């Protein structure tokens, strides 16, 4: 009986271990894989899986250089501008298991609570003072102001946030250990996704009018 139980536990353990492995980016099987432009442009990250690599002898130095972070992106109404960089815009990243982002925050601007389901993030403050933090699964908050030159890590799948608390604009660079980290903003996921209004009323103790206001505020079309 004990042997049988032991075998079951081993199988369950192996299954869990395999699941973790399968949930991560696959290991590369060659030095690099620049998608071959002869077979079409890169439309989505999923599209990368069907595009063959170009011959390594055809790769150039420019394939491994990205110049799109020299200035900020377009700012939203909340004062946040982001430039996400993954293999769709920087093909040299393909199969390397990483991506990154530049984020600029005007004075008082926020990067609202969000999480990345497929990656841990490391954030480096290029300039400014940014209140940064995350919340773990026991609802404990880890947060403080990080200054120029400091780094903070946001564990995979945990909700995190940022706010520029300085007197000048702030710039941060974020790096992910996945070429497709994913990103889901909590307010938009709750109020902008079409969840049943009655459920939201009961969950948050809000009236239908208040829910309606929140849904209009966080409708994806109004957040640009």
N, C-alpha and C. Protein backbone atom coordinates (compact mmCIF):
# COMPACT_ATOMS: atom_id res chain seq x y z
N UNK A 1 0.83 -1.20 0.00
CA UNK A 1 0.00 0.00 0.00
C UNK A 1 0.87 1.26 0.00
N UNK A 2 1.93 1.25 0.87
CA UNK A 2 2.79 2.42 0.95
C UNK A 2 3.56 2.62 -0.36
N UNK A 3 3.98 1.50 -0.97
CA UNK A 3 4.68 1.59 -2.25
C UNK A 3 3.77 2.20 -3.31
N UNK A 4 2.51 1.78 -3.28
CA UNK A 4 1.54 2.29 -4.24
C UNK A 4 1.33 3.80 -4.05
N UNK A 5 1.23 4.21 -2.79
CA UNK A 5 1.05 5.63 -2.48
C UNK A 5 2.27 6.43 -2.92
N UNK A 6 3.45 5.84 -2.70
CA UNK A 6 4.68 6.51 -3.09
C UNK A 6 4.73 6.71 -4.60
N UNK A 7 4.35 5.69 -5.35
CA UNK A 7 4.35 5.78 -6.82
C UNK A 7 3.39 6.87 -7.28
N UNK A 8 2.22 6.93 -6.64
CA UNK A 8 1.23 7.96 -7.00
C UNK A 8 1.80 9.35 -6.75
N UNK A 9 2.45 9.53 -5.59
CA UNK A 9 3.02 10.83 -5.26
C UNK A 9 4.12 11.22 -6.24
N UNK A 10 4.93 10.25 -6.65
CA UNK A 10 5.99 10.53 -7.62
C UNK A 10 5.39 10.97 -8.95
N UNK A 11 4.33 10.28 -9.39
CA UNK A 11 3.68 10.62 -10.65
C UNK A 11 3.10 12.03 -10.60
N UNK A 12 2.42 12.33 -9.49
CA UNK A 12 1.84 13.67 -9.32
C UNK A 12 2.93 14.73 -9.33
N UNK A 13 4.04 14.43 -8.62
CA UNK A 13 5.15 15.37 -8.55
C UNK A 13 5.75 15.62 -9.93
N UNK A 14 5.95 14.54 -10.68
CA UNK A 14 6.50 14.67 -12.03
C UNK A 14 5.56 15.43 -12.93
N UNK A 15 4.27 15.17 -12.79
CA UNK A 15 3.28 15.86 -13.62
C UNK A 15 3.33 17.36 -13.35
N UNK A 16 3.43 17.72 -12.06
CA UNK A 16 3.51 19.14 -11.71
C UNK A 16 4.77 19.77 -12.25
N UNK A 17 5.89 19.02 -12.18
CA UNK A 17 7.16 19.53 -12.66
C UNK A 17 7.12 19.73 -14.17
N UNK A 18 6.53 18.78 -14.87
CA UNK A 18 6.42 18.89 -16.32
C UNK A 18 5.54 20.07 -16.69
N UNK A 19 4.47 20.28 -15.94
CA UNK A 19 3.57 21.40 -16.23
C UNK A 19 4.30 22.72 -16.12
N UNK A 20 5.17 22.82 -15.11
CA UNK A 20 5.93 24.06 -14.93
C UNK A 20 6.86 24.28 -16.11
N UNK A 21 7.51 23.22 -16.56
CA UNK A 21 8.43 23.33 -17.68
C UNK A 21 7.68 23.75 -18.94
N UNK A 22 6.56 23.13 -19.20
CA UNK A 22 5.80 23.42 -20.40
C UNK A 22 5.23 24.83 -20.39
N UNK A 23 5.09 25.42 -19.20
CA UNK A 23 4.50 26.75 -19.11
C UNK A 23 5.51 27.84 -19.42
N UNK A 24 6.80 27.50 -19.50
CA UNK A 24 7.83 28.48 -19.76
C UNK A 24 8.22 28.49 -21.23
N UNK A 25 8.96 29.52 -21.62
CA UNK A 25 9.45 29.56 -23.00
C UNK A 25 10.35 28.35 -23.24
N UNK A 26 10.26 27.73 -24.41
CA UNK A 26 11.11 26.57 -24.70
C UNK A 26 12.57 27.00 -24.84
N UNK A 27 13.48 26.09 -24.51
CA UNK A 27 14.89 26.38 -24.70
C UNK A 27 15.22 26.45 -26.19
N UNK A 28 16.11 27.37 -26.59
CA UNK A 28 16.49 27.43 -28.01
C UNK A 28 17.30 26.20 -28.39
N UNK A 29 17.21 25.82 -29.65
CA UNK A 29 17.97 24.66 -30.13
C UNK A 29 19.09 25.10 -31.07
N UNK A 30 19.29 26.41 -31.18
CA UNK A 30 20.39 26.96 -31.95
C UNK A 30 20.78 28.30 -31.35
N UNK A 31 21.86 28.90 -31.83
CA UNK A 31 22.34 30.15 -31.23
C UNK A 31 21.28 31.24 -31.27
N UNK A 32 20.61 31.38 -32.38
CA UNK A 32 19.57 32.39 -32.56
C UNK A 32 18.69 31.99 -33.74
N UNK A 33 17.55 32.65 -33.84
CA UNK A 33 16.61 32.34 -34.92
C UNK A 33 15.95 33.64 -35.38
N UNK A 34 16.54 34.26 -36.39
CA UNK A 34 15.94 35.46 -36.98
C UNK A 34 14.89 35.00 -37.98
N UNK A 35 13.61 35.33 -37.78
CA UNK A 35 12.57 34.90 -38.71
C UNK A 35 12.90 35.34 -40.14
N UNK A 36 12.76 34.43 -41.07
CA UNK A 36 13.10 34.72 -42.47
C UNK A 36 12.03 35.59 -43.11
N UNK A 37 12.36 36.83 -43.50
CA UNK A 37 11.37 37.73 -44.09
C UNK A 37 10.82 37.26 -45.43
N UNK A 38 11.50 36.31 -46.05
CA UNK A 38 11.03 35.79 -47.34
C UNK A 38 9.70 35.06 -47.21
N UNK A 39 9.38 34.65 -45.98
CA UNK A 39 8.15 33.89 -45.76
C UNK A 39 7.04 34.74 -45.15
N UNK A 40 7.22 36.05 -45.20
CA UNK A 40 6.18 36.96 -44.71
C UNK A 40 6.60 37.73 -43.48
N UNK A 41 5.87 38.80 -43.20
CA UNK A 41 6.18 39.63 -42.04
C UNK A 41 5.63 39.00 -40.77
N UNK A 42 6.17 39.41 -39.63
CA UNK A 42 5.73 38.90 -38.34
C UNK A 42 4.49 39.67 -37.92
N UNK A 43 3.35 39.01 -37.88
CA UNK A 43 2.10 39.68 -37.54
C UNK A 43 1.78 39.59 -36.05
N UNK A 44 1.99 38.44 -35.47
CA UNK A 44 1.73 38.24 -34.04
C UNK A 44 2.81 37.33 -33.47
N UNK A 45 2.89 37.26 -32.14
CA UNK A 45 3.86 36.36 -31.51
C UNK A 45 3.56 34.91 -31.84
N UNK A 46 2.27 34.58 -31.96
CA UNK A 46 1.89 33.21 -32.32
C UNK A 46 2.37 32.87 -33.72
N UNK A 47 2.40 33.88 -34.59
CA UNK A 47 2.82 33.68 -35.98
C UNK A 47 4.28 33.27 -36.07
N UNK A 48 5.07 33.63 -35.05
CA UNK A 48 6.50 33.30 -35.07
C UNK A 48 6.76 31.81 -35.14
N UNK A 49 5.88 31.03 -34.53
CA UNK A 49 6.10 29.59 -34.44
C UNK A 49 6.07 28.89 -35.79
N UNK A 50 5.49 29.54 -36.79
CA UNK A 50 5.40 28.89 -38.11
C UNK A 50 6.35 29.52 -39.13
N UNK A 51 7.10 30.53 -38.71
CA UNK A 51 8.06 31.16 -39.62
C UNK A 51 9.43 30.52 -39.46
N UNK A 52 10.02 30.04 -40.54
CA UNK A 52 11.35 29.44 -40.44
C UNK A 52 12.42 30.50 -40.19
N UNK A 53 13.53 30.08 -39.61
CA UNK A 53 14.65 31.00 -39.36
C UNK A 53 15.41 31.21 -40.67
N UNK A 54 15.97 32.40 -40.81
CA UNK A 54 16.83 32.58 -41.97
C UNK A 54 18.20 31.96 -41.66
N UNK A 55 18.91 31.61 -42.69
CA UNK A 55 20.22 30.97 -42.51
C UNK A 55 21.11 31.85 -41.65
N UNK A 56 21.79 31.25 -40.69
CA UNK A 56 22.62 32.03 -39.76
C UNK A 56 23.70 32.82 -40.50
N UNK A 57 24.12 32.33 -41.66
CA UNK A 57 25.15 33.05 -42.42
C UNK A 57 24.61 34.36 -43.00
N UNK A 58 23.28 34.49 -43.04
CA UNK A 58 22.66 35.70 -43.57
C UNK A 58 22.37 36.73 -42.48
N UNK A 59 22.57 36.36 -41.23
CA UNK A 59 22.32 37.29 -40.12
C UNK A 59 23.35 38.41 -40.13
N UNK A 60 22.92 39.59 -39.74
CA UNK A 60 23.81 40.75 -39.68
C UNK A 60 23.77 41.35 -38.28
N UNK A 61 24.70 42.22 -38.00
CA UNK A 61 24.73 42.89 -36.70
C UNK A 61 23.44 43.64 -36.44
N UNK A 62 22.88 44.24 -37.48
CA UNK A 62 21.64 45.01 -37.32
C UNK A 62 20.47 44.16 -36.85
N UNK A 63 20.52 42.85 -37.09
CA UNK A 63 19.45 41.97 -36.62
C UNK A 63 19.38 41.95 -35.09
N UNK A 64 20.48 42.32 -34.44
CA UNK A 64 20.54 42.23 -32.98
C UNK A 64 20.57 43.61 -32.30
N UNK A 65 20.19 44.63 -33.04
CA UNK A 65 20.15 45.99 -32.51
C UNK A 65 18.76 46.58 -32.69
N UNK A 66 18.24 47.21 -31.63
CA UNK A 66 16.93 47.86 -31.69
C UNK A 66 17.10 49.32 -31.28
N UNK A 67 16.60 50.23 -32.09
CA UNK A 67 16.80 51.66 -31.85
C UNK A 67 15.52 52.39 -31.49
N UNK A 68 14.48 51.65 -31.15
CA UNK A 68 13.17 52.26 -30.93
C UNK A 68 12.90 52.79 -29.54
N UNK A 69 13.93 52.82 -28.68
CA UNK A 69 13.71 53.29 -27.31
C UNK A 69 14.36 54.65 -27.03
N UNK A 70 14.76 55.34 -28.09
CA UNK A 70 15.46 56.61 -27.90
C UNK A 70 14.56 57.70 -27.33
N UNK A 71 13.27 57.61 -27.60
CA UNK A 71 12.32 58.60 -27.08
C UNK A 71 11.08 57.88 -26.58
N UNK A 72 10.24 58.59 -25.84
CA UNK A 72 9.05 57.98 -25.25
C UNK A 72 8.01 57.66 -26.31
N UNK A 73 7.07 56.80 -25.93
CA UNK A 73 5.95 56.49 -26.80
C UNK A 73 4.85 57.52 -26.65
N UNK A 74 3.65 57.18 -27.10
CA UNK A 74 2.50 58.09 -26.99
C UNK A 74 1.87 57.97 -25.61
N UNK A 75 1.58 59.11 -25.01
CA UNK A 75 1.02 59.13 -23.66
C UNK A 75 -0.49 58.90 -23.66
N UNK A 76 -0.96 58.15 -22.67
CA UNK A 76 -2.39 57.94 -22.47
C UNK A 76 -2.94 59.06 -21.59
N UNK A 77 -4.24 59.01 -21.34
CA UNK A 77 -4.87 60.02 -20.49
C UNK A 77 -4.35 59.96 -19.06
N UNK A 78 -3.83 58.82 -18.67
CA UNK A 78 -3.31 58.68 -17.30
C UNK A 78 -1.86 59.16 -17.17
N UNK A 79 -1.28 59.63 -18.28
CA UNK A 79 0.09 60.14 -18.24
C UNK A 79 1.16 59.08 -18.38
N UNK A 80 0.78 57.92 -18.90
CA UNK A 80 1.72 56.81 -19.08
C UNK A 80 1.97 56.57 -20.57
N UNK A 81 3.23 56.36 -20.91
CA UNK A 81 3.60 56.00 -22.28
C UNK A 81 4.47 54.76 -22.23
N UNK A 82 4.15 53.75 -23.01
CA UNK A 82 4.94 52.52 -23.01
C UNK A 82 5.34 52.13 -24.42
N UNK A 83 6.51 51.53 -24.52
CA UNK A 83 6.98 50.95 -25.78
C UNK A 83 7.35 49.50 -25.49
N UNK A 84 6.44 48.57 -25.71
CA UNK A 84 6.77 47.15 -25.49
C UNK A 84 7.63 46.63 -26.64
N UNK A 85 8.65 45.88 -26.31
CA UNK A 85 9.57 45.35 -27.32
C UNK A 85 9.62 43.83 -27.21
N UNK A 86 9.13 43.16 -28.23
CA UNK A 86 9.16 41.70 -28.32
C UNK A 86 9.55 41.33 -29.74
N UNK A 87 9.62 40.05 -30.08
CA UNK A 87 10.08 39.66 -31.40
C UNK A 87 9.27 40.19 -32.58
N UNK A 88 8.05 40.67 -32.35
CA UNK A 88 7.27 41.21 -33.48
C UNK A 88 7.87 42.52 -33.98
N UNK A 89 8.55 43.26 -33.10
CA UNK A 89 9.18 44.52 -33.51
C UNK A 89 10.71 44.42 -33.49
N UNK A 90 11.24 43.44 -32.78
CA UNK A 90 12.67 43.22 -32.70
C UNK A 90 12.93 41.73 -32.91
N UNK A 91 12.96 41.27 -34.17
CA UNK A 91 13.06 39.84 -34.47
C UNK A 91 14.27 39.15 -33.85
N UNK A 92 15.32 39.91 -33.54
CA UNK A 92 16.51 39.31 -32.94
C UNK A 92 16.24 38.66 -31.59
N UNK A 93 15.13 39.02 -30.95
CA UNK A 93 14.77 38.42 -29.65
C UNK A 93 14.17 37.03 -29.79
N UNK A 94 13.77 36.66 -30.98
CA UNK A 94 13.05 35.41 -31.18
C UNK A 94 13.82 34.21 -30.63
N UNK A 95 13.16 33.39 -29.85
CA UNK A 95 13.65 32.16 -29.21
C UNK A 95 14.62 32.42 -28.05
N UNK A 96 14.89 33.67 -27.71
CA UNK A 96 15.85 33.96 -26.64
C UNK A 96 15.20 34.04 -25.26
N UNK A 97 13.87 33.94 -25.22
CA UNK A 97 13.17 33.88 -23.93
C UNK A 97 13.17 35.18 -23.16
N UNK A 98 13.11 36.30 -23.86
CA UNK A 98 13.07 37.58 -23.15
C UNK A 98 12.41 38.65 -24.00
N UNK A 99 11.97 39.71 -23.33
CA UNK A 99 11.42 40.89 -23.98
C UNK A 99 11.58 42.04 -22.99
N UNK A 100 11.26 43.24 -23.41
CA UNK A 100 11.42 44.37 -22.49
C UNK A 100 10.48 45.50 -22.86
N UNK A 101 10.45 46.54 -22.03
CA UNK A 101 9.54 47.66 -22.25
C UNK A 101 10.16 48.94 -21.70
N UNK A 102 9.90 50.04 -22.40
CA UNK A 102 10.23 51.36 -21.85
C UNK A 102 8.93 51.99 -21.41
N UNK A 103 8.91 52.53 -20.20
CA UNK A 103 7.72 53.21 -19.69
C UNK A 103 8.11 54.60 -19.20
N UNK A 104 7.34 55.59 -19.63
CA UNK A 104 7.54 56.97 -19.19
C UNK A 104 6.30 57.43 -18.45
N UNK A 105 6.50 58.10 -17.33
CA UNK A 105 5.39 58.57 -16.52
C UNK A 105 5.52 60.07 -16.28
N UNK A 106 4.48 60.81 -16.62
CA UNK A 106 4.46 62.23 -16.30
C UNK A 106 4.36 62.38 -14.79
N UNK A 107 4.58 63.59 -14.29
CA UNK A 107 4.49 63.83 -12.85
C UNK A 107 3.10 63.44 -12.35
N UNK A 108 3.06 62.57 -11.35
CA UNK A 108 1.79 62.11 -10.79
C UNK A 108 1.13 60.98 -11.55
N UNK A 109 1.70 60.59 -12.68
CA UNK A 109 1.10 59.54 -13.51
C UNK A 109 1.28 58.17 -12.88
N UNK A 110 0.42 57.24 -13.28
CA UNK A 110 0.48 55.88 -12.74
C UNK A 110 0.56 54.84 -13.84
N UNK A 111 1.13 53.71 -13.49
CA UNK A 111 1.00 52.49 -14.27
C UNK A 111 0.07 51.62 -13.42
N UNK A 112 -1.22 51.52 -13.80
CA UNK A 112 -2.22 50.90 -12.92
C UNK A 112 -1.91 49.45 -12.58
N UNK A 113 -2.49 48.94 -11.49
CA UNK A 113 -2.26 47.55 -11.09
C UNK A 113 -2.48 46.59 -12.26
N UNK A 114 -1.50 45.72 -12.47
CA UNK A 114 -1.57 44.76 -13.58
C UNK A 114 -0.66 43.59 -13.24
N UNK A 115 -0.69 42.57 -14.07
CA UNK A 115 0.22 41.44 -13.86
C UNK A 115 0.59 40.82 -15.19
N UNK A 116 1.68 40.07 -15.18
CA UNK A 116 2.16 39.37 -16.37
C UNK A 116 2.07 37.87 -16.09
N UNK A 117 1.15 37.17 -16.73
CA UNK A 117 0.92 35.76 -16.41
C UNK A 117 2.06 34.82 -16.78
N UNK A 118 2.95 35.28 -17.68
CA UNK A 118 3.97 34.35 -18.16
C UNK A 118 5.40 34.81 -17.88
N UNK A 119 5.58 35.82 -17.04
CA UNK A 119 6.96 36.29 -16.84
C UNK A 119 7.15 37.04 -15.53
N UNK A 120 8.36 36.93 -15.01
CA UNK A 120 8.83 37.80 -13.93
C UNK A 120 9.40 39.06 -14.59
N UNK A 121 9.23 40.19 -13.93
CA UNK A 121 9.73 41.46 -14.49
C UNK A 121 10.76 42.08 -13.56
N UNK A 122 11.82 42.60 -14.15
CA UNK A 122 12.80 43.41 -13.42
C UNK A 122 12.70 44.83 -13.96
N UNK A 123 12.48 45.80 -13.08
CA UNK A 123 12.32 47.19 -13.48
C UNK A 123 13.50 48.02 -12.99
N UNK A 124 14.07 48.79 -13.91
CA UNK A 124 15.21 49.65 -13.60
C UNK A 124 14.79 51.10 -13.81
N UNK A 125 15.01 51.95 -12.81
CA UNK A 125 14.64 53.36 -12.92
C UNK A 125 15.78 54.13 -13.61
N UNK A 126 15.51 54.61 -14.81
CA UNK A 126 16.49 55.39 -15.56
C UNK A 126 16.60 56.80 -15.00
N UNK A 127 15.44 57.38 -14.72
CA UNK A 127 15.41 58.69 -14.07
C UNK A 127 14.08 58.88 -13.36
N UNK A 128 14.12 59.68 -12.29
CA UNK A 128 12.90 59.95 -11.56
C UNK A 128 12.79 59.19 -10.25
N UNK A 129 11.65 59.40 -9.59
CA UNK A 129 11.33 58.72 -8.33
C UNK A 129 9.98 58.04 -8.50
N UNK A 130 9.97 56.73 -8.39
CA UNK A 130 8.77 55.96 -8.71
C UNK A 130 8.35 55.08 -7.53
N UNK A 131 7.13 55.30 -7.04
CA UNK A 131 6.57 54.42 -6.02
C UNK A 131 6.18 53.12 -6.72
N UNK A 132 6.84 52.04 -6.35
CA UNK A 132 6.65 50.75 -7.03
C UNK A 132 6.38 49.66 -6.01
N UNK A 133 5.59 48.68 -6.41
CA UNK A 133 5.34 47.58 -5.50
C UNK A 133 4.51 46.48 -6.11
N UNK A 134 4.36 45.40 -5.34
CA UNK A 134 3.51 44.29 -5.76
C UNK A 134 2.81 43.72 -4.53
N UNK A 135 1.80 42.90 -4.79
CA UNK A 135 1.02 42.27 -3.73
C UNK A 135 1.14 40.76 -3.89
N UNK A 136 1.51 40.06 -2.80
CA UNK A 136 1.65 38.61 -2.92
C UNK A 136 0.31 37.91 -2.71
N UNK A 137 0.32 36.58 -2.74
CA UNK A 137 -0.93 35.81 -2.68
C UNK A 137 -1.59 35.84 -1.31
N UNK A 138 -0.90 36.38 -0.30
CA UNK A 138 -1.52 36.55 1.01
C UNK A 138 -1.95 38.00 1.23
N UNK A 139 -1.98 38.77 0.15
CA UNK A 139 -2.38 40.19 0.16
C UNK A 139 -1.41 41.08 0.95
N UNK A 140 -0.17 40.67 1.02
CA UNK A 140 0.85 41.51 1.65
C UNK A 140 1.47 42.41 0.59
N UNK A 141 1.58 43.70 0.89
CA UNK A 141 2.13 44.67 -0.06
C UNK A 141 3.62 44.87 0.18
N UNK A 142 4.40 44.81 -0.89
CA UNK A 142 5.82 45.11 -0.85
C UNK A 142 6.03 46.34 -1.73
N UNK A 143 6.22 47.49 -1.15
CA UNK A 143 6.29 48.71 -1.95
C UNK A 143 7.10 49.80 -1.27
N UNK A 144 7.78 50.59 -2.08
CA UNK A 144 8.44 51.81 -1.61
C UNK A 144 8.87 52.61 -2.84
N UNK A 145 9.35 53.80 -2.61
CA UNK A 145 9.84 54.65 -3.70
C UNK A 145 11.23 54.16 -4.11
N UNK A 146 11.40 53.92 -5.40
CA UNK A 146 12.73 53.56 -5.91
C UNK A 146 13.22 54.72 -6.79
N UNK A 147 14.51 54.99 -6.66
CA UNK A 147 15.10 56.16 -7.31
C UNK A 147 15.96 55.74 -8.51
N UNK A 148 16.46 56.75 -9.20
CA UNK A 148 17.33 56.53 -10.34
C UNK A 148 18.47 55.56 -9.99
N UNK A 149 18.64 54.54 -10.84
CA UNK A 149 19.70 53.56 -10.62
C UNK A 149 19.29 52.35 -9.81
N UNK A 150 18.08 52.38 -9.22
CA UNK A 150 17.62 51.24 -8.42
C UNK A 150 16.79 50.28 -9.27
N UNK A 151 16.73 49.05 -8.79
CA UNK A 151 16.03 47.98 -9.51
C UNK A 151 15.04 47.31 -8.57
N UNK A 152 13.88 46.92 -9.10
CA UNK A 152 12.91 46.15 -8.32
C UNK A 152 12.42 44.98 -9.17
N UNK A 153 12.18 43.86 -8.53
CA UNK A 153 11.68 42.69 -9.24
C UNK A 153 10.22 42.46 -8.88
N UNK A 154 9.42 42.13 -9.89
CA UNK A 154 8.01 41.79 -9.70
C UNK A 154 7.84 40.31 -10.07
N UNK A 155 7.58 39.45 -9.08
CA UNK A 155 7.45 38.02 -9.36
C UNK A 155 6.35 37.71 -10.36
N UNK A 156 6.58 36.68 -11.10
CA UNK A 156 5.64 36.26 -12.14
C UNK A 156 4.22 36.08 -11.61
N UNK A 157 3.27 36.66 -12.33
CA UNK A 157 1.86 36.47 -12.02
C UNK A 157 1.33 37.29 -10.88
N UNK A 158 2.17 38.09 -10.20
CA UNK A 158 1.69 38.89 -9.07
C UNK A 158 1.37 40.31 -9.52
N UNK A 159 0.28 40.84 -8.97
CA UNK A 159 -0.15 42.19 -9.32
C UNK A 159 0.88 43.22 -8.84
N UNK A 160 1.22 44.17 -9.72
CA UNK A 160 2.16 45.21 -9.34
C UNK A 160 1.74 46.54 -9.94
N UNK A 161 2.42 47.60 -9.55
CA UNK A 161 1.97 48.95 -9.90
C UNK A 161 3.12 49.93 -9.77
N UNK A 162 2.94 51.13 -10.35
CA UNK A 162 3.96 52.18 -10.27
C UNK A 162 3.28 53.54 -10.30
N UNK A 163 3.89 54.52 -9.64
CA UNK A 163 3.39 55.90 -9.67
C UNK A 163 4.58 56.85 -9.56
N UNK A 164 4.60 57.84 -10.44
CA UNK A 164 5.65 58.84 -10.39
C UNK A 164 5.37 59.82 -9.26
N UNK A 165 6.17 59.77 -8.22
CA UNK A 165 5.97 60.65 -7.07
C UNK A 165 7.00 61.77 -7.02
N UNK A 166 7.80 61.88 -8.08
CA UNK A 166 8.82 62.92 -8.13
C UNK A 166 8.28 64.22 -8.70
N UNK A 167 9.17 65.18 -8.84
CA UNK A 167 8.79 66.50 -9.36
C UNK A 167 9.14 66.67 -10.83
N UNK A 168 9.56 65.57 -11.46
CA UNK A 168 9.87 65.60 -12.89
C UNK A 168 9.46 64.27 -13.51
N UNK A 169 9.35 64.21 -14.83
CA UNK A 169 8.97 62.95 -15.48
C UNK A 169 9.93 61.82 -15.11
N UNK A 170 9.40 60.62 -15.14
CA UNK A 170 10.20 59.43 -14.80
C UNK A 170 10.24 58.47 -15.98
N UNK A 171 11.35 57.77 -16.09
CA UNK A 171 11.51 56.75 -17.13
C UNK A 171 12.01 55.46 -16.49
N UNK A 172 11.38 54.35 -16.82
CA UNK A 172 11.82 53.05 -16.31
C UNK A 172 11.93 52.07 -17.47
N UNK A 173 12.81 51.12 -17.32
CA UNK A 173 12.95 50.03 -18.28
C UNK A 173 12.60 48.73 -17.58
N UNK A 174 11.74 47.95 -18.20
CA UNK A 174 11.35 46.66 -17.65
C UNK A 174 11.83 45.53 -18.54
N UNK A 175 12.33 44.47 -17.93
CA UNK A 175 12.80 43.30 -18.67
C UNK A 175 12.06 42.07 -18.19
N UNK A 176 11.66 41.20 -19.15
CA UNK A 176 10.87 40.01 -18.83
C UNK A 176 11.62 38.75 -19.25
N UNK A 177 11.43 37.67 -18.49
CA UNK A 177 12.06 36.40 -18.85
C UNK A 177 11.15 35.55 -19.73
N UNK A 178 10.48 36.21 -20.66
CA UNK A 178 9.65 35.53 -21.66
C UNK A 178 9.52 36.46 -22.85
N UNK A 179 9.50 35.90 -24.05
CA UNK A 179 9.30 36.76 -25.21
C UNK A 179 7.82 37.11 -25.38
N UNK A 180 6.96 36.49 -24.58
CA UNK A 180 5.53 36.79 -24.62
C UNK A 180 4.98 36.80 -23.19
N UNK A 181 5.32 37.83 -22.39
CA UNK A 181 4.94 37.85 -20.98
C UNK A 181 3.45 38.01 -20.74
N UNK A 182 2.75 38.64 -21.67
CA UNK A 182 1.34 38.95 -21.46
C UNK A 182 1.20 40.07 -20.46
N UNK A 183 0.09 40.79 -20.51
CA UNK A 183 -0.15 41.88 -19.56
C UNK A 183 -1.64 42.08 -19.41
N UNK A 184 -2.11 42.07 -18.18
CA UNK A 184 -3.53 42.28 -17.92
C UNK A 184 -3.70 43.30 -16.81
N UNK A 185 -4.31 44.44 -17.18
CA UNK A 185 -4.57 45.50 -16.20
C UNK A 185 -5.81 45.14 -15.39
N UNK A 186 -5.70 45.20 -14.08
CA UNK A 186 -6.79 44.78 -13.20
C UNK A 186 -8.07 45.59 -13.41
N UNK A 187 -8.02 46.93 -13.42
CA UNK A 187 -9.27 47.69 -13.60
C UNK A 187 -9.99 47.35 -14.90
N UNK A 188 -9.23 47.25 -15.99
CA UNK A 188 -9.84 46.95 -17.29
C UNK A 188 -10.39 45.52 -17.33
N UNK A 189 -9.66 44.60 -16.68
CA UNK A 189 -10.11 43.21 -16.67
C UNK A 189 -11.44 43.07 -15.93
N UNK A 190 -11.62 43.87 -14.87
CA UNK A 190 -12.84 43.76 -14.06
C UNK A 190 -14.00 44.54 -14.67
N UNK A 191 -13.73 45.81 -15.01
CA UNK A 191 -14.83 46.67 -15.43
C UNK A 191 -14.93 46.87 -16.94
N UNK A 192 -13.93 46.45 -17.69
CA UNK A 192 -13.97 46.67 -19.13
C UNK A 192 -14.12 45.42 -19.96
N UNK A 193 -14.40 44.29 -19.29
CA UNK A 193 -14.43 43.02 -20.02
C UNK A 193 -15.83 42.46 -20.24
N UNK A 194 -16.84 43.11 -19.69
CA UNK A 194 -18.21 42.62 -19.89
C UNK A 194 -18.70 41.64 -18.85
N UNK A 195 -18.07 41.62 -17.67
CA UNK A 195 -18.55 40.76 -16.58
C UNK A 195 -19.95 41.20 -16.16
N UNK A 196 -20.78 40.24 -15.81
CA UNK A 196 -22.16 40.51 -15.40
C UNK A 196 -22.22 41.61 -14.33
N UNK A 197 -23.08 42.61 -14.57
CA UNK A 197 -23.18 43.77 -13.67
C UNK A 197 -23.62 43.37 -12.27
N UNK A 198 -24.58 42.46 -12.17
CA UNK A 198 -25.07 42.04 -10.86
C UNK A 198 -23.95 41.42 -10.04
N UNK A 199 -23.12 40.62 -10.70
CA UNK A 199 -22.00 40.01 -10.00
C UNK A 199 -21.05 41.08 -9.45
N UNK A 200 -20.77 42.10 -10.27
CA UNK A 200 -19.87 43.17 -9.84
C UNK A 200 -20.48 43.96 -8.68
N UNK A 201 -21.79 44.18 -8.73
CA UNK A 201 -22.47 44.89 -7.64
C UNK A 201 -22.28 44.15 -6.32
N UNK A 202 -22.48 42.83 -6.36
CA UNK A 202 -22.37 42.02 -5.15
C UNK A 202 -20.91 41.89 -4.69
N UNK A 203 -20.01 41.84 -5.64
CA UNK A 203 -18.59 41.66 -5.29
C UNK A 203 -18.00 42.90 -4.64
N UNK A 204 -18.41 44.09 -5.11
CA UNK A 204 -17.79 45.32 -4.63
C UNK A 204 -18.72 46.20 -3.80
N UNK A 205 -19.97 45.76 -3.59
CA UNK A 205 -20.89 46.54 -2.79
C UNK A 205 -21.21 47.88 -3.42
N UNK A 206 -21.30 47.90 -4.73
CA UNK A 206 -21.56 49.14 -5.47
C UNK A 206 -22.92 49.08 -6.13
N UNK A 207 -23.48 50.24 -6.42
CA UNK A 207 -24.77 50.31 -7.10
C UNK A 207 -24.57 50.11 -8.60
N UNK A 208 -25.67 49.82 -9.30
CA UNK A 208 -25.58 49.63 -10.74
C UNK A 208 -25.09 50.91 -11.42
N UNK A 209 -25.46 52.07 -10.86
CA UNK A 209 -25.01 53.35 -11.42
C UNK A 209 -23.50 53.50 -11.27
N UNK A 210 -23.00 53.13 -10.10
CA UNK A 210 -21.56 53.21 -9.86
C UNK A 210 -20.80 52.24 -10.77
N UNK A 211 -21.35 51.04 -10.93
CA UNK A 211 -20.73 50.06 -11.81
C UNK A 211 -20.71 50.60 -13.24
N UNK A 212 -21.81 51.23 -13.65
CA UNK A 212 -21.88 51.80 -14.99
C UNK A 212 -20.81 52.85 -15.22
N UNK A 213 -20.59 53.68 -14.20
CA UNK A 213 -19.54 54.70 -14.29
C UNK A 213 -18.17 54.06 -14.46
N UNK A 214 -17.91 53.02 -13.69
CA UNK A 214 -16.63 52.33 -13.77
C UNK A 214 -16.45 51.63 -15.12
N UNK A 215 -17.52 51.05 -15.63
CA UNK A 215 -17.44 50.36 -16.92
C UNK A 215 -17.14 51.34 -18.04
N UNK A 216 -17.75 52.54 -17.97
CA UNK A 216 -17.45 53.55 -18.99
C UNK A 216 -16.02 54.04 -18.86
N UNK A 217 -15.57 54.17 -17.61
CA UNK A 217 -14.21 54.66 -17.37
C UNK A 217 -13.16 53.68 -17.87
N UNK A 218 -13.41 52.40 -17.70
CA UNK A 218 -12.39 51.41 -18.05
C UNK A 218 -12.70 50.61 -19.31
N UNK A 219 -13.62 51.12 -20.10
CA UNK A 219 -13.85 50.51 -21.42
C UNK A 219 -12.56 50.66 -22.23
N UNK A 220 -12.07 49.57 -22.83
CA UNK A 220 -10.80 49.64 -23.58
C UNK A 220 -10.76 50.76 -24.61
N UNK A 221 -11.91 51.11 -25.17
CA UNK A 221 -11.94 52.15 -26.21
C UNK A 221 -11.68 53.54 -25.64
N UNK A 222 -11.92 53.72 -24.34
CA UNK A 222 -11.76 55.05 -23.74
C UNK A 222 -10.42 55.22 -23.03
N UNK A 223 -9.61 54.17 -23.00
CA UNK A 223 -8.35 54.23 -22.26
C UNK A 223 -7.18 54.68 -23.12
N UNK A 224 -7.39 54.85 -24.39
CA UNK A 224 -6.29 55.21 -25.28
C UNK A 224 -5.90 56.68 -25.11
